[in-house]
Amino acid sequence: MNPVNYAAMSNRDLKQYFLQHREDKTALQAYLDRINKRPRQIITTVDNPDFDTKILAAIAAKMNQ
């Protein structure tokens, strides 16, 4: 059996691979490592009066990507 090169896969391909090979714990770990390295953006805080507006704008922006 040929070893799988997770590093050569795109994020989308790695996610699809893991979803099709759920028993492959190494694929899961590779995927989790990638998503944990993504920068996190703080959109708003709970006490912000524009909380709902900012959350909805962030969701809309993400959906349009």
PDB file of N, CA and C in Angstrom:
ATOM      1  N   MET A   1       0.832  -1.184   0.000  1.00  0.00           N
ATOM      2  CA  MET A   1       0.000   0.000   0.000  1.00  0.00           C
ATOM      3  C   MET A   1       0.877   1.248   0.000  1.00  0.00           C
ATOM      4  N   ASN A   2       0.556   2.194  -0.863  1.00  0.00           N
ATOM      5  CA  ASN A   2       1.326   3.432  -0.950  1.00  0.00           C
ATOM      6  C   ASN A   2       0.938   4.386   0.170  1.00  0.00           C
ATOM      7  N   PRO A   3       1.937   4.996   0.802  1.00  0.00           N
ATOM      8  CA  PRO A   3       1.602   5.969   1.841  1.00  0.00           C
ATOM      9  C   PRO A   3       0.946   7.202   1.207  1.00  0.00           C
ATOM     10  N   VAL A   4       0.017   7.782   1.927  1.00  0.00           N
ATOM     11  CA  VAL A   4      -0.697   8.959   1.434  1.00  0.00           C
ATOM     12  C   VAL A   4       0.095  10.203   1.807  1.00  0.00           C
ATOM     13  N   ASN A   5       0.261  11.115   0.847  1.00  0.00           N
ATOM     14  CA  ASN A   5       0.986  12.358   1.090  1.00  0.00           C
ATOM     15  C   ASN A   5      -0.022  13.456   1.417  1.00  0.00           C
ATOM     16  N   TYR A   6      -0.323  13.623   2.703  1.00  0.00           N
ATOM     17  CA  TYR A   6      -1.309  14.617   3.129  1.00  0.00           C
ATOM     18  C   TYR A   6      -0.827  16.035   2.842  1.00  0.00           C
ATOM     19  N   ALA A   7       0.464  16.252   2.953  1.00  0.00           N
ATOM     20  CA  ALA A   7       1.028  17.594   2.742  1.00  0.00           C
ATOM     21  C   ALA A   7       0.817  18.076   1.308  1.00  0.00           C
ATOM     22  N   ALA A   8       0.741  17.152   0.369  1.00  0.00           N
ATOM     23  CA  ALA A   8       0.559  17.537  -1.034  1.00  0.00           C
ATOM     24  C   ALA A   8      -0.894  17.839  -1.363  1.00  0.00           C
ATOM     25  N   MET A   9      -1.809  17.487  -0.468  1.00  0.00           N
ATOM     26  CA  MET A   9      -3.233  17.704  -0.722  1.00  0.00           C
ATOM     27  C   MET A   9      -3.640  19.124  -0.359  1.00  0.00           C
ATOM     28  N   SER A  10      -4.584  19.665  -1.103  1.00  0.00           N
ATOM     29  CA  SER A  10      -5.166  20.951  -0.729  1.00  0.00           C
ATOM     30  C   SER A  10      -6.035  20.729   0.503  1.00  0.00           C
ATOM     31  N   ASN A  11      -6.426  21.798   1.150  1.00  0.00           N
ATOM     32  CA  ASN A  11      -7.297  21.678   2.319  1.00  0.00           C
ATOM     33  C   ASN A  11      -8.593  20.968   1.954  1.00  0.00           C
ATOM     34  N   ARG A  12      -9.166  21.335   0.826  1.00  0.00           N
ATOM     35  CA  ARG A  12     -10.424  20.727   0.380  1.00  0.00           C
ATOM     36  C   ARG A  12     -10.234  19.235   0.090  1.00  0.00           C
ATOM     37  N   ASP A  13      -9.127  18.890  -0.595  1.00  0.00           N
ATOM     38  CA  ASP A  13      -8.860  17.492  -0.916  1.00  0.00           C
ATOM     39  C   ASP A  13      -8.621  16.661   0.347  1.00  0.00           C
ATOM     40  N   LEU A  14      -7.898  17.233   1.300  1.00  0.00           N
ATOM     41  CA  LEU A  14      -7.634  16.510   2.543  1.00  0.00           C
ATOM     42  C   LEU A  14      -8.930  16.271   3.312  1.00  0.00           C
ATOM     43  N   LYS A  15      -9.790  17.276   3.342  1.00  0.00           N
ATOM     44  CA  LYS A  15     -11.079  17.109   4.015  1.00  0.00           C
ATOM     45  C   LYS A  15     -11.898  16.018   3.331  1.00  0.00           C
ATOM     46  N   GLN A  16     -11.957  16.042   2.012  1.00  0.00           N
ATOM     47  CA  GLN A  16     -12.710  15.034   1.276  1.00  0.00           C
ATOM     48  C   GLN A  16     -12.105  13.641   1.479  1.00  0.00           C
ATOM     49  N   TYR A  17     -10.781  13.565   1.488  1.00  0.00           N
ATOM     50  CA  TYR A  17     -10.119  12.280   1.709  1.00  0.00           C
ATOM     51  C   TYR A  17     -10.511  11.722   3.076  1.00  0.00           C
ATOM     52  N   PHE A  18     -10.434  12.571   4.105  1.00  0.00           N
ATOM     53  CA  PHE A  18     -10.776  12.089   5.436  1.00  0.00           C
ATOM     54  C   PHE A  18     -12.240  11.659   5.506  1.00  0.00           C
ATOM     55  N   LEU A  19     -13.134  12.418   4.892  1.00  0.00           N
ATOM     56  CA  LEU A  19     -14.549  12.049   4.936  1.00  0.00           C
ATOM     57  C   LEU A  19     -14.807  10.704   4.254  1.00  0.00           C
ATOM     58  N   GLN A  20     -13.983  10.365   3.267  1.00  0.00           N
ATOM     59  CA  GLN A  20     -14.135   9.091   2.569  1.00  0.00           C
ATOM     60  C   GLN A  20     -13.360   7.960   3.243  1.00  0.00           C
ATOM     61  N   HIS A  21     -12.404   8.310   4.116  1.00  0.00           N
ATOM     62  CA  HIS A  21     -11.567   7.318   4.802  1.00  0.00           C
ATOM     63  C   HIS A  21     -11.551   7.628   6.297  1.00  0.00           C
ATOM     64  N   ARG A  22     -12.697   7.557   6.915  1.00  0.00           N
ATOM     65  CA  ARG A  22     -12.833   7.962   8.317  1.00  0.00           C
ATOM     66  C   ARG A  22     -12.002   7.122   9.285  1.00  0.00           C
ATOM     67  N   GLU A  23     -11.583   5.966   8.866  1.00  0.00           N
ATOM     68  CA  GLU A  23     -10.754   5.128   9.739  1.00  0.00           C
ATOM     69  C   GLU A  23      -9.299   5.595   9.753  1.00  0.00           C
ATOM     70  N   ASP A  24      -8.925   6.480   8.853  1.00  0.00           N
ATOM     71  CA  ASP A  24      -7.548   6.976   8.740  1.00  0.00           C
ATOM     72  C   ASP A  24      -7.329   8.099   9.754  1.00  0.00           C
ATOM     73  N   LYS A  25      -6.875   7.720  10.933  1.00  0.00           N
ATOM     74  CA  LYS A  25      -6.679   8.685  12.023  1.00  0.00           C
ATOM     75  C   LYS A  25      -5.557   9.673  11.717  1.00  0.00           C
ATOM     76  N   THR A  26      -4.590   9.269  10.911  1.00  0.00           N
ATOM     77  CA  THR A  26      -3.505  10.168  10.537  1.00  0.00           C
ATOM     78  C   THR A  26      -4.034  11.287   9.648  1.00  0.00           C
ATOM     79  N   ALA A  27      -4.984  10.970   8.778  1.00  0.00           N
ATOM     80  CA  ALA A  27      -5.606  11.991   7.925  1.00  0.00           C
ATOM     81  C   ALA A  27      -6.383  12.982   8.785  1.00  0.00           C
ATOM     82  N   LEU A  28      -7.104  12.477   9.781  1.00  0.00           N
ATOM     83  CA  LEU A  28      -7.840  13.361  10.683  1.00  0.00           C
ATOM     84  C   LEU A  28      -6.875  14.290  11.399  1.00  0.00           C
ATOM     85  N   GLN A  29      -5.783  13.749  11.912  1.00  0.00           N
ATOM     86  CA  GLN A  29      -4.822  14.578  12.636  1.00  0.00           C
ATOM     87  C   GLN A  29      -4.195  15.629  11.718  1.00  0.00           C
ATOM     88  N   ALA A  30      -3.886  15.255  10.485  1.00  0.00           N
ATOM     89  CA  ALA A  30      -3.325  16.208   9.529  1.00  0.00           C
ATOM     90  C   ALA A  30      -4.311  17.335   9.255  1.00  0.00           C
ATOM     91  N   TYR A  31      -5.584  16.984   9.113  1.00  0.00           N
ATOM     92  CA  TYR A  31      -6.616  17.989   8.857  1.00  0.00           C
ATOM     93  C   TYR A  31      -6.789  18.906  10.077  1.00  0.00           C
ATOM     94  N   LEU A  32      -6.853  18.332  11.257  1.00  0.00           N
ATOM     95  CA  LEU A  32      -6.999  19.143  12.468  1.00  0.00           C
ATOM     96  C   LEU A  32      -5.805  20.064  12.680  1.00  0.00           C
ATOM     97  N   ASP A  33      -4.604  19.560  12.390  1.00  0.00           N
ATOM     98  CA  ASP A  33      -3.405  20.401  12.504  1.00  0.00           C
ATOM     99  C   ASP A  33      -3.506  21.607  11.576  1.00  0.00           C
ATOM    100  N   ARG A  34      -3.992  21.381  10.364  1.00  0.00           N
ATOM    101  CA  ARG A  34      -4.133  22.493   9.407  1.00  0.00           C
ATOM    102  C   ARG A  34      -5.141  23.524   9.874  1.00  0.00           C
ATOM    103  N   ILE A  35      -6.310  23.074  10.303  1.00  0.00           N
ATOM    104  CA  ILE A  35      -7.322  24.064  10.670  1.00  0.00           C
ATOM    105  C   ILE A  35      -6.957  24.788  11.960  1.00  0.00           C
ATOM    106  N   ASN A  36      -6.173  24.156  12.811  1.00  0.00           N
ATOM    107  CA  ASN A  36      -5.735  24.840  14.035  1.00  0.00           C
ATOM    108  C   ASN A  36      -4.644  25.861  13.770  1.00  0.00           C
ATOM    109  N   LYS A  37      -3.973  25.786  12.624  1.00  0.00           N
ATOM    110  CA  LYS A  37      -2.942  26.758  12.259  1.00  0.00           C
ATOM    111  C   LYS A  37      -3.518  27.990  11.572  1.00  0.00           C
ATOM    112  N   ARG A  38      -4.779  27.917  11.185  1.00  0.00           N
ATOM    113  CA  ARG A  38      -5.416  29.061  10.527  1.00  0.00           C
ATOM    114  C   ARG A  38      -5.507  30.234  11.493  1.00  0.00           C
ATOM    115  N   PRO A  39      -5.263  31.439  10.981  1.00  0.00           N
ATOM    116  CA  PRO A  39      -5.415  32.595  11.864  1.00  0.00           C
ATOM    117  C   PRO A  39      -6.885  32.793  12.240  1.00  0.00           C
ATOM    118  N   ARG A  40      -7.095  33.165  13.454  1.00  0.00           N
ATOM    119  CA  ARG A  40      -8.464  33.401  13.931  1.00  0.00           C
ATOM    120  C   ARG A  40      -8.704  34.893  14.016  1.00  0.00           C
ATOM    121  N   GLN A  41      -9.830  35.310  13.510  1.00  0.00           N
ATOM    122  CA  GLN A  41     -10.186  36.717  13.518  1.00  0.00           C
ATOM    123  C   GLN A  41     -11.313  36.938  14.527  1.00  0.00           C
ATOM    124  N   ILE A  42     -11.151  37.918  15.387  1.00  0.00           N
ATOM    125  CA  ILE A  42     -12.214  38.265  16.318  1.00  0.00           C
ATOM    126  C   ILE A  42     -13.151  39.224  15.603  1.00  0.00           C
ATOM    127  N   ILE A  43     -14.388  38.809  15.446  1.00  0.00           N
ATOM    128  CA  ILE A  43     -15.366  39.590  14.701  1.00  0.00           C
ATOM    129  C   ILE A  43     -15.991  40.662  15.578  1.00  0.00           C
ATOM    130  N   THR A  44     -16.336  40.290  16.789  1.00  0.00           N
ATOM    131  CA  THR A  44     -16.988  41.213  17.722  1.00  0.00           C
ATOM    132  C   THR A  44     -16.917  40.635  19.122  1.00  0.00           C
ATOM    133  N   THR A  45     -17.445  41.363  20.081  1.00  0.00           N
ATOM    134  CA  THR A  45     -17.555  40.881  21.449  1.00  0.00           C
ATOM    135  C   THR A  45     -19.028  40.891  21.842  1.00  0.00           C
ATOM    136  N   VAL A  46     -19.380  40.131  22.855  1.00  0.00           N
ATOM    137  CA  VAL A  46     -20.791  40.001  23.222  1.00  0.00           C
ATOM    138  C   VAL A  46     -21.394  41.302  23.726  1.00  0.00           C
ATOM    139  N   ASP A  47     -20.583  42.201  24.233  1.00  0.00           N
ATOM    140  CA  ASP A  47     -21.119  43.466  24.740  1.00  0.00           C
ATOM    141  C   ASP A  47     -21.161  44.573  23.683  1.00  0.00           C
ATOM    142  N   ASN A  48     -20.796  44.265  22.463  1.00  0.00           N
ATOM    143  CA  ASN A  48     -20.820  45.245  21.374  1.00  0.00           C
ATOM    144  C   ASN A  48     -22.267  45.487  20.943  1.00  0.00           C
ATOM    145  N   PRO A  49     -22.688  46.743  20.874  1.00  0.00           N
ATOM    146  CA  PRO A  49     -24.073  47.020  20.481  1.00  0.00           C
ATOM    147  C   PRO A  49     -24.390  46.609  19.039  1.00  0.00           C
ATOM    148  N   ASP A  50     -23.367  46.484  18.200  1.00  0.00           N
ATOM    149  CA  ASP A  50     -23.558  46.069  16.804  1.00  0.00           C
ATOM    150  C   ASP A  50     -23.272  44.582  16.614  1.00  0.00           C
ATOM    151  N   PHE A  51     -23.391  43.799  17.665  1.00  0.00           N
ATOM    152  CA  PHE A  51     -23.062  42.379  17.628  1.00  0.00           C
ATOM    153  C   PHE A  51     -23.763  41.656  16.480  1.00  0.00           C
ATOM    154  N   ASP A  52     -25.077  41.746  16.416  1.00  0.00           N
ATOM    155  CA  ASP A  52     -25.844  41.033  15.386  1.00  0.00           C
ATOM    156  C   ASP A  52     -25.438  41.454  13.981  1.00  0.00           C
ATOM    157  N   THR A  53     -25.273  42.742  13.774  1.00  0.00           N
ATOM    158  CA  THR A  53     -24.899  43.261  12.458  1.00  0.00           C
ATOM    159  C   THR A  53     -23.535  42.729  12.031  1.00  0.00           C
ATOM    160  N   LYS A  54     -22.584  42.740  12.942  1.00  0.00           N
ATOM    161  CA  LYS A  54     -21.234  42.266  12.621  1.00  0.00           C
ATOM    162  C   LYS A  54     -21.216  40.764  12.345  1.00  0.00           C
ATOM    163  N   ILE A  55     -21.957  40.000  13.121  1.00  0.00           N
ATOM    164  CA  ILE A  55     -22.015  38.557  12.904  1.00  0.00           C
ATOM    165  C   ILE A  55     -22.642  38.246  11.548  1.00  0.00           C
ATOM    166  N   LEU A  56     -23.748  38.902  11.243  1.00  0.00           N
ATOM    167  CA  LEU A  56     -24.420  38.669   9.955  1.00  0.00           C
ATOM    168  C   LEU A  56     -23.531  39.081   8.785  1.00  0.00           C
ATOM    169  N   ALA A  57     -22.791  40.176   8.926  1.00  0.00           N
ATOM    170  CA  ALA A  57     -21.879  40.613   7.869  1.00  0.00           C
ATOM    171  C   ALA A  57     -20.752  39.597   7.669  1.00  0.00           C
ATOM    172  N   ALA A  58     -20.229  39.039   8.769  1.00  0.00           N
ATOM    173  CA  ALA A  58     -19.160  38.040   8.676  1.00  0.00           C
ATOM    174  C   ALA A  58     -19.670  36.765   8.007  1.00  0.00           C
ATOM    175  N   ILE A  59     -20.883  36.363   8.329  1.00  0.00           N
ATOM    176  CA  ILE A  59     -21.471  35.171   7.706  1.00  0.00           C
ATOM    177  C   ILE A  59     -21.668  35.405   6.213  1.00  0.00           C
ATOM    178  N   ALA A  60     -22.203  36.576   5.853  1.00  0.00           N
ATOM    179  CA  ALA A  60     -22.424  36.895   4.445  1.00  0.00           C
ATOM    180  C   ALA A  60     -21.107  36.916   3.687  1.00  0.00           C
ATOM    181  N   ALA A  61     -20.071  37.483   4.276  1.00  0.00           N
ATOM    182  CA  ALA A  61     -18.762  37.536   3.622  1.00  0.00           C
ATOM    183  C   ALA A  61     -18.200  36.143   3.402  1.00  0.00           C
ATOM    184  N   LYS A  62     -18.358  35.277   4.388  1.00  0.00           N
ATOM    185  CA  LYS A  62     -17.859  33.905   4.287  1.00  0.00           C
ATOM    186  C   LYS A  62     -18.606  33.135   3.204  1.00  0.00           C
ATOM    187  N   MET A  63     -19.900  33.367   3.091  1.00  0.00           N
ATOM    188  CA  MET A  63     -20.708  32.661   2.093  1.00  0.00           C
ATOM    189  C   MET A  63     -20.384  33.125   0.676  1.00  0.00           C
ATOM    190  N   ASN A  64     -19.884  34.334   0.536  1.00  0.00           N
ATOM    191  CA  ASN A  64     -19.563  34.884  -0.791  1.00  0.00           C
ATOM    192  C   ASN A  64     -18.142  34.559  -1.234  1.00  0.00           C
ATOM    193  N   GLN A  65     -17.393  33.870  -0.406  1.00  0.00           N
ATOM    194  CA  GLN A  65     -16.002  33.521  -0.781  1.00  0.00           C
ATOM    195  C   GLN A  65     -15.976  32.463  -1.829  1.00  0.00           C
TER     196      GLN A  65
END
